[in-house]
Amino acid sequence: MTAGYIAGSLVGSFAIAYLCDTFVSDKKAFGGSIPKTVSDKEWWLATDTKFQAWPRTAGPPVIMNPVSRQNFIVRSTE
């Protein structure tokens, strides 16, 4: 009997949370609009192309000493 109340209240709370989330975010209950960077497919494709581009370049590996806050560049031992 108690397990039924717990399961029912969990399902009910998830349903209420879903409805509130949908109302606030999708229906824009507090106003606002969807940013152009999210809704524009060309922008999305250009951003995705940029992030998937190779070769990726970065600096040398760095070790940070948190006590003195000094950064040391790791040199190859070869």
PDB file of N, CA and C in Angstrom:
ATOM      1  N   MET A   1       0.815  -1.186   0.000  1.00  0.00           N
ATOM      2  CA  MET A   1       0.000   0.000   0.000  1.00  0.00           C
ATOM      3  C   MET A   1       0.862   1.255   0.000  1.00  0.00           C
ATOM      4  N   THR A   2       1.882   1.276   0.852  1.00  0.00           N
ATOM      5  CA  THR A   2       2.753   2.446   0.916  1.00  0.00           C
ATOM      6  C   THR A   2       3.564   2.614  -0.360  1.00  0.00           C
ATOM      7  N   ALA A   3       4.007   1.491  -0.940  1.00  0.00           N
ATOM      8  CA  ALA A   3       4.779   1.558  -2.190  1.00  0.00           C
ATOM      9  C   ALA A   3       3.937   2.160  -3.305  1.00  0.00           C
ATOM     10  N   GLY A   4       2.644   1.870  -3.301  1.00  0.00           N
ATOM     11  CA  GLY A   4       1.755   2.439  -4.312  1.00  0.00           C
ATOM     12  C   GLY A   4       1.645   3.949  -4.187  1.00  0.00           C
ATOM     13  N   TYR A   5       1.564   4.430  -2.939  1.00  0.00           N
ATOM     14  CA  TYR A   5       1.517   5.883  -2.725  1.00  0.00           C
ATOM     15  C   TYR A   5       2.829   6.552  -3.148  1.00  0.00           C
ATOM     16  N   ILE A   6       3.942   5.906  -2.839  1.00  0.00           N
ATOM     17  CA  ILE A   6       5.247   6.472  -3.207  1.00  0.00           C
ATOM     18  C   ILE A   6       5.392   6.502  -4.720  1.00  0.00           C
ATOM     19  N   ALA A   7       5.070   5.392  -5.392  1.00  0.00           N
ATOM     20  CA  ALA A   7       5.189   5.343  -6.854  1.00  0.00           C
ATOM     21  C   ALA A   7       4.247   6.346  -7.508  1.00  0.00           C
ATOM     22  N   GLY A   8       3.029   6.429  -6.998  1.00  0.00           N
ATOM     23  CA  GLY A   8       2.069   7.375  -7.568  1.00  0.00           C
ATOM     24  C   GLY A   8       2.500   8.816  -7.392  1.00  0.00           C
ATOM     25  N   SER A   9       3.048   9.126  -6.223  1.00  0.00           N
ATOM     26  CA  SER A   9       3.492  10.500  -5.998  1.00  0.00           C
ATOM     27  C   SER A   9       4.724  10.831  -6.846  1.00  0.00           C
ATOM     28  N   LEU A  10       5.594   9.848  -7.064  1.00  0.00           N
ATOM     29  CA  LEU A  10       6.746  10.089  -7.950  1.00  0.00           C
ATOM     30  C   LEU A  10       6.293  10.361  -9.377  1.00  0.00           C
ATOM     31  N   VAL A  11       5.389   9.538  -9.880  1.00  0.00           N
ATOM     32  CA  VAL A  11       4.882   9.743 -11.240  1.00  0.00           C
ATOM     33  C   VAL A  11       4.163  11.095 -11.339  1.00  0.00           C
ATOM     34  N   GLY A  12       3.383  11.420 -10.335  1.00  0.00           N
ATOM     35  CA  GLY A  12       2.678  12.706 -10.339  1.00  0.00           C
ATOM     36  C   GLY A  12       3.623  13.885 -10.302  1.00  0.00           C
ATOM     37  N   SER A  13       4.669  13.779  -9.476  1.00  0.00           N
ATOM     38  CA  SER A  13       5.613  14.899  -9.391  1.00  0.00           C
ATOM     39  C   SER A  13       6.381  15.078 -10.696  1.00  0.00           C
ATOM     40  N   PHE A  14       6.736  13.969 -11.364  1.00  0.00           N
ATOM     41  CA  PHE A  14       7.404  14.093 -12.662  1.00  0.00           C
ATOM     42  C   PHE A  14       6.468  14.700 -13.704  1.00  0.00           C
ATOM     43  N   ALA A  15       5.188  14.345 -13.663  1.00  0.00           N
ATOM     44  CA  ALA A  15       4.227  14.913 -14.613  1.00  0.00           C
ATOM     45  C   ALA A  15       4.068  16.416 -14.378  1.00  0.00           C
ATOM     46  N   ILE A  16       3.965  16.825 -13.132  1.00  0.00           N
ATOM     47  CA  ILE A  16       3.843  18.257 -12.833  1.00  0.00           C
ATOM     48  C   ILE A  16       5.107  19.000 -13.240  1.00  0.00           C
ATOM     49  N   ALA A  17       6.285  18.415 -12.982  1.00  0.00           N
ATOM     50  CA  ALA A  17       7.542  19.056 -13.371  1.00  0.00           C
ATOM     51  C   ALA A  17       7.631  19.199 -14.887  1.00  0.00           C
ATOM     52  N   TYR A  18       7.206  18.175 -15.627  1.00  0.00           N
ATOM     53  CA  TYR A  18       7.236  18.242 -17.086  1.00  0.00           C
ATOM     54  C   TYR A  18       6.304  19.338 -17.600  1.00  0.00           C
ATOM     55  N   LEU A  19       5.097  19.403 -17.050  1.00  0.00           N
ATOM     56  CA  LEU A  19       4.149  20.429 -17.489  1.00  0.00           C
ATOM     57  C   LEU A  19       4.653  21.834 -17.175  1.00  0.00           C
ATOM     58  N   CYS A  20       5.219  22.018 -16.000  1.00  0.00           N
ATOM     59  CA  CYS A  20       5.760  23.339 -15.645  1.00  0.00           C
ATOM     60  C   CYS A  20       6.932  23.713 -16.545  1.00  0.00           C
ATOM     61  N   ASP A  21       7.810  22.749 -16.822  1.00  0.00           N
ATOM     62  CA  ASP A  21       8.954  23.020 -17.691  1.00  0.00           C
ATOM     63  C   ASP A  21       8.496  23.377 -19.094  1.00  0.00           C
ATOM     64  N   THR A  22       7.546  22.634 -19.619  1.00  0.00           N
ATOM     65  CA  THR A  22       7.033  22.926 -20.957  1.00  0.00           C
ATOM     66  C   THR A  22       6.385  24.303 -21.011  1.00  0.00           C
ATOM     67  N   PHE A  23       5.615  24.633 -19.993  1.00  0.00           N
ATOM     68  CA  PHE A  23       4.936  25.925 -19.974  1.00  0.00           C
ATOM     69  C   PHE A  23       5.923  27.077 -19.892  1.00  0.00           C
ATOM     70  N   VAL A  24       6.940  26.942 -19.059  1.00  0.00           N
ATOM     71  CA  VAL A  24       7.885  28.038 -18.860  1.00  0.00           C
ATOM     72  C   VAL A  24       8.849  28.161 -20.032  1.00  0.00           C
ATOM     73  N   SER A  25       9.409  27.031 -20.513  1.00  0.00           N
ATOM     74  CA  SER A  25      10.454  27.128 -21.533  1.00  0.00           C
ATOM     75  C   SER A  25       9.908  27.153 -22.956  1.00  0.00           C
ATOM     76  N   ASP A  26       8.966  26.274 -23.279  1.00  0.00           N
ATOM     77  CA  ASP A  26       8.488  26.201 -24.658  1.00  0.00           C
ATOM     78  C   ASP A  26       7.412  27.236 -24.966  1.00  0.00           C
ATOM     79  N   LYS A  27       6.541  27.478 -24.043  1.00  0.00           N
ATOM     80  CA  LYS A  27       5.463  28.443 -24.268  1.00  0.00           C
ATOM     81  C   LYS A  27       5.881  29.871 -23.926  1.00  0.00           C
ATOM     82  N   LYS A  28       7.095  30.033 -23.412  1.00  0.00           N
ATOM     83  CA  LYS A  28       7.645  31.346 -23.065  1.00  0.00           C
ATOM     84  C   LYS A  28       6.716  32.103 -22.114  1.00  0.00           C
ATOM     85  N   ALA A  29       6.442  31.502 -20.966  1.00  0.00           N
ATOM     86  CA  ALA A  29       5.512  32.069 -19.990  1.00  0.00           C
ATOM     87  C   ALA A  29       5.976  33.429 -19.478  1.00  0.00           C
ATOM     88  N   PHE A  30       7.272  33.640 -19.398  1.00  0.00           N
ATOM     89  CA  PHE A  30       7.790  34.901 -18.876  1.00  0.00           C
ATOM     90  C   PHE A  30       8.312  35.808 -19.990  1.00  0.00           C
ATOM     91  N   GLY A  31       7.909  35.535 -21.216  1.00  0.00           N
ATOM     92  CA  GLY A  31       8.330  36.352 -22.342  1.00  0.00           C
ATOM     93  C   GLY A  31       9.647  35.861 -22.908  1.00  0.00           C
ATOM     94  N   GLY A  32      10.215  36.638 -23.789  1.00  0.00           N
ATOM     95  CA  GLY A  32      11.477  36.283 -24.403  1.00  0.00           C
ATOM     96  C   GLY A  32      11.269  35.590 -25.733  1.00  0.00           C
ATOM     97  N   SER A  33      12.362  35.289 -26.377  1.00  0.00           N
ATOM     98  CA  SER A  33      12.305  34.610 -27.662  1.00  0.00           C
ATOM     99  C   SER A  33      13.499  33.666 -27.769  1.00  0.00           C
ATOM    100  N   ILE A  34      13.449  32.823 -28.775  1.00  0.00           N
ATOM    101  CA  ILE A  34      14.549  31.894 -29.008  1.00  0.00           C
ATOM    102  C   ILE A  34      15.665  32.653 -29.710  1.00  0.00           C
ATOM    103  N   PRO A  35      16.912  32.555 -29.229  1.00  0.00           N
ATOM    104  CA  PRO A  35      18.007  33.285 -29.868  1.00  0.00           C
ATOM    105  C   PRO A  35      18.229  32.839 -31.316  1.00  0.00           C
ATOM    106  N   LYS A  36      18.718  33.746 -32.131  1.00  0.00           N
ATOM    107  CA  LYS A  36      18.963  33.443 -33.539  1.00  0.00           C
ATOM    108  C   LYS A  36      20.007  32.346 -33.689  1.00  0.00           C
ATOM    109  N   THR A  37      20.967  32.303 -32.778  1.00  0.00           N
ATOM    110  CA  THR A  37      22.021  31.296 -32.872  1.00  0.00           C
ATOM    111  C   THR A  37      21.483  29.886 -32.673  1.00  0.00           C
ATOM    112  N   VAL A  38      20.320  29.751 -32.058  1.00  0.00           N
ATOM    113  CA  VAL A  38      19.714  28.431 -31.853  1.00  0.00           C
ATOM    114  C   VAL A  38      18.782  28.082 -33.001  1.00  0.00           C
ATOM    115  N   SER A  39      18.038  29.058 -33.502  1.00  0.00           N
ATOM    116  CA  SER A  39      17.006  28.780 -34.501  1.00  0.00           C
ATOM    117  C   SER A  39      17.513  28.826 -35.937  1.00  0.00           C
ATOM    118  N   ASP A  40      18.652  29.434 -36.201  1.00  0.00           N
ATOM    119  CA  ASP A  40      19.151  29.585 -37.568  1.00  0.00           C
ATOM    120  C   ASP A  40      20.005  28.383 -37.948  1.00  0.00           C
ATOM    121  N   LYS A  41      19.568  27.624 -38.968  1.00  0.00           N
ATOM    122  CA  LYS A  41      20.283  26.412 -39.382  1.00  0.00           C
ATOM    123  C   LYS A  41      21.648  26.733 -39.993  1.00  0.00           C
ATOM    124  N   GLU A  42      21.755  27.831 -40.732  1.00  0.00           N
ATOM    125  CA  GLU A  42      23.046  28.196 -41.329  1.00  0.00           C
ATOM    126  C   GLU A  42      24.077  28.475 -40.244  1.00  0.00           C
ATOM    127  N   TRP A  43      23.661  29.179 -39.208  1.00  0.00           N
ATOM    128  CA  TRP A  43      24.560  29.492 -38.092  1.00  0.00           C
ATOM    129  C   TRP A  43      25.006  28.194 -37.426  1.00  0.00           C
ATOM    130  N   TRP A  44      24.064  27.289 -37.216  1.00  0.00           N
ATOM    131  CA  TRP A  44      24.368  26.014 -36.572  1.00  0.00           C
ATOM    132  C   TRP A  44      25.376  25.216 -37.412  1.00  0.00           C
ATOM    133  N   LEU A  45      25.177  25.162 -38.717  1.00  0.00           N
ATOM    134  CA  LEU A  45      26.092  24.403 -39.574  1.00  0.00           C
ATOM    135  C   LEU A  45      27.481  25.035 -39.597  1.00  0.00           C
ATOM    136  N   ALA A  46      27.565  26.360 -39.643  1.00  0.00           N
ATOM    137  CA  ALA A  46      28.868  27.027 -39.639  1.00  0.00           C
ATOM    138  C   ALA A  46      29.602  26.779 -38.323  1.00  0.00           C
ATOM    139  N   THR A  47      28.883  26.832 -37.208  1.00  0.00           N
ATOM    140  CA  THR A  47      29.502  26.586 -35.911  1.00  0.00           C
ATOM    141  C   THR A  47      29.972  25.152 -35.800  1.00  0.00           C
ATOM    142  N   ASP A  48      29.145  24.215 -36.250  1.00  0.00           N
ATOM    143  CA  ASP A  48      29.516  22.805 -36.198  1.00  0.00           C
ATOM    144  C   ASP A  48      30.716  22.525 -37.083  1.00  0.00           C
ATOM    145  N   THR A  49      30.760  23.125 -38.268  1.00  0.00           N
ATOM    146  CA  THR A  49      31.904  22.947 -39.164  1.00  0.00           C
ATOM    147  C   THR A  49      33.174  23.482 -38.524  1.00  0.00           C
ATOM    148  N   LYS A  50      33.069  24.620 -37.853  1.00  0.00           N
ATOM    149  CA  LYS A  50      34.236  25.209 -37.191  1.00  0.00           C
ATOM    150  C   LYS A  50      34.768  24.306 -36.090  1.00  0.00           C
ATOM    151  N   PHE A  51      33.865  23.743 -35.282  1.00  0.00           N
ATOM    152  CA  PHE A  51      34.309  22.920 -34.160  1.00  0.00           C
ATOM    153  C   PHE A  51      34.807  21.544 -34.599  1.00  0.00           C
ATOM    154  N   GLN A  52      34.378  21.077 -35.770  1.00  0.00           N
ATOM    155  CA  GLN A  52      34.821  19.772 -36.256  1.00  0.00           C
ATOM    156  C   GLN A  52      36.042  19.875 -37.168  1.00  0.00           C
ATOM    157  N   ALA A  53      36.561  21.072 -37.370  1.00  0.00           N
ATOM    158  CA  ALA A  53      37.688  21.278 -38.279  1.00  0.00           C
ATOM    159  C   ALA A  53      38.971  20.667 -37.705  1.00  0.00           C
ATOM    160  N   TRP A  54      39.782  20.110 -38.583  1.00  0.00           N
ATOM    161  CA  TRP A  54      41.083  19.560 -38.198  1.00  0.00           C
ATOM    162  C   TRP A  54      42.130  20.214 -39.059  1.00  0.00           C
ATOM    163  N   PRO A  55      43.339  20.365 -38.694  1.00  0.00           N
ATOM    164  CA  PRO A  55      43.896  19.931 -37.424  1.00  0.00           C
ATOM    165  C   PRO A  55      43.623  20.960 -36.338  1.00  0.00           C
ATOM    166  N   ARG A  56      43.467  20.478 -35.158  1.00  0.00           N
ATOM    167  CA  ARG A  56      43.314  21.362 -34.010  1.00  0.00           C
ATOM    168  C   ARG A  56      44.702  21.647 -33.457  1.00  0.00           C
ATOM    169  N   THR A  57      44.936  22.884 -33.119  1.00  0.00           N
ATOM    170  CA  THR A  57      46.247  23.247 -32.607  1.00  0.00           C
ATOM    171  C   THR A  57      46.111  23.742 -31.186  1.00  0.00           C
ATOM    172  N   ALA A  58      47.116  23.453 -30.408  1.00  0.00           N
ATOM    173  CA  ALA A  58      47.121  23.905 -29.019  1.00  0.00           C
ATOM    174  C   ALA A  58      48.568  24.121 -28.601  1.00  0.00           C
ATOM    175  N   GLY A  59      48.741  24.757 -27.492  1.00  0.00           N
ATOM    176  CA  GLY A  59      50.072  24.982 -26.959  1.00  0.00           C
ATOM    177  C   GLY A  59      50.623  23.718 -26.312  1.00  0.00           C
ATOM    178  N   PRO A  60      51.828  23.800 -25.791  1.00  0.00           N
ATOM    179  CA  PRO A  60      52.419  22.631 -25.144  1.00  0.00           C
ATOM    180  C   PRO A  60      51.697  22.314 -23.833  1.00  0.00           C
ATOM    181  N   PRO A  61      51.817  21.070 -23.358  1.00  0.00           N
ATOM    182  CA  PRO A  61      51.186  20.724 -22.086  1.00  0.00           C
ATOM    183  C   PRO A  61      51.764  21.544 -20.939  1.00  0.00           C
ATOM    184  N   VAL A  62      50.925  21.887 -19.977  1.00  0.00           N
ATOM    185  CA  VAL A  62      51.336  22.743 -18.868  1.00  0.00           C
ATOM    186  C   VAL A  62      50.949  22.075 -17.554  1.00  0.00           C
ATOM    187  N   ILE A  63      51.846  22.158 -16.573  1.00  0.00           N
ATOM    188  CA  ILE A  63      51.548  21.703 -15.223  1.00  0.00           C
ATOM    189  C   ILE A  63      51.452  22.940 -14.342  1.00  0.00           C
ATOM    190  N   MET A  64      50.393  23.009 -13.533  1.00  0.00           N
ATOM    191  CA  MET A  64      50.234  24.163 -12.668  1.00  0.00           C
ATOM    192  C   MET A  64      50.532  23.779 -11.230  1.00  0.00           C
ATOM    193  N   ASN A  65      51.346  24.600 -10.582  1.00  0.00           N
ATOM    194  CA  ASN A  65      51.624  24.430  -9.165  1.00  0.00           C
ATOM    195  C   ASN A  65      50.596  25.275  -8.414  1.00  0.00           C
ATOM    196  N   PRO A  66      49.612  24.650  -7.753  1.00  0.00           N
ATOM    197  CA  PRO A  66      48.548  25.435  -7.123  1.00  0.00           C
ATOM    198  C   PRO A  66      49.008  26.238  -5.911  1.00  0.00           C
ATOM    199  N   VAL A  67      50.138  25.885  -5.321  1.00  0.00           N
ATOM    200  CA  VAL A  67      50.593  26.599  -4.136  1.00  0.00           C
ATOM    201  C   VAL A  67      51.165  27.959  -4.533  1.00  0.00           C
ATOM    202  N   SER A  68      52.099  27.966  -5.480  1.00  0.00           N
ATOM    203  CA  SER A  68      52.728  29.222  -5.881  1.00  0.00           C
ATOM    204  C   SER A  68      52.051  29.843  -7.105  1.00  0.00           C
ATOM    205  N   ARG A  69      51.087  29.135  -7.674  1.00  0.00           N
ATOM    206  CA  ARG A  69      50.370  29.583  -8.873  1.00  0.00           C
ATOM    207  C   ARG A  69      51.315  29.889 -10.034  1.00  0.00           C
ATOM    208  N   GLN A  70      52.306  29.038 -10.199  1.00  0.00           N
ATOM    209  CA  GLN A  70      53.219  29.159 -11.330  1.00  0.00           C
ATOM    210  C   GLN A  70      52.924  28.029 -12.304  1.00  0.00           C
ATOM    211  N   ASN A  71      52.975  28.337 -13.582  1.00  0.00           N
ATOM    212  CA  ASN A  71      52.762  27.336 -14.614  1.00  0.00           C
ATOM    213  C   ASN A  71      54.103  26.917 -15.194  1.00  0.00           C
ATOM    214  N   PHE A  72      54.275  25.624 -15.402  1.00  0.00           N
ATOM    215  CA  PHE A  72      55.502  25.090 -15.965  1.00  0.00           C
ATOM    216  C   PHE A  72      55.158  24.329 -17.234  1.00  0.00           C
ATOM    217  N   ILE A  73      55.879  24.640 -18.315  1.00  0.00           N
ATOM    218  CA  ILE A  73      55.686  23.946 -19.586  1.00  0.00           C
ATOM    219  C   ILE A  73      56.385  22.601 -19.502  1.00  0.00           C
ATOM    220  N   VAL A  74      55.700  21.550 -19.877  1.00  0.00           N
ATOM    221  CA  VAL A  74      56.245  20.200 -19.809  1.00  0.00           C
ATOM    222  C   VAL A  74      57.117  19.986 -21.046  1.00  0.00           C
ATOM    223  N   ARG A  75      58.376  19.656 -20.835  1.00  0.00           N
ATOM    224  CA  ARG A  75      59.296  19.375 -21.952  1.00  0.00           C
ATOM    225  C   ARG A  75      59.381  17.879 -22.167  1.00  0.00           C
ATOM    226  N   SER A  76      59.567  17.499 -23.391  1.00  0.00           N
ATOM    227  CA  SER A  76      59.724  16.095 -23.720  1.00  0.00           C
ATOM    228  C   SER A  76      61.053  15.587 -23.183  1.00  0.00           C
ATOM    229  N   THR A  77      61.095  14.372 -22.656  1.00  0.00           N
ATOM    230  CA  THR A  77      62.329  13.796 -22.123  1.00  0.00           C
ATOM    231  C   THR A  77      63.161  13.141 -23.193  1.00  0.00           C
ATOM    232  N   GLU A  78      62.684  13.084 -24.396  1.00  0.00           N
ATOM    233  CA  GLU A  78      63.422  12.446 -25.498  1.00  0.00           C
ATOM    234  C   GLU A  78      64.474  13.348 -26.082  1.00  0.00           C
TER     235      GLU A  78
END
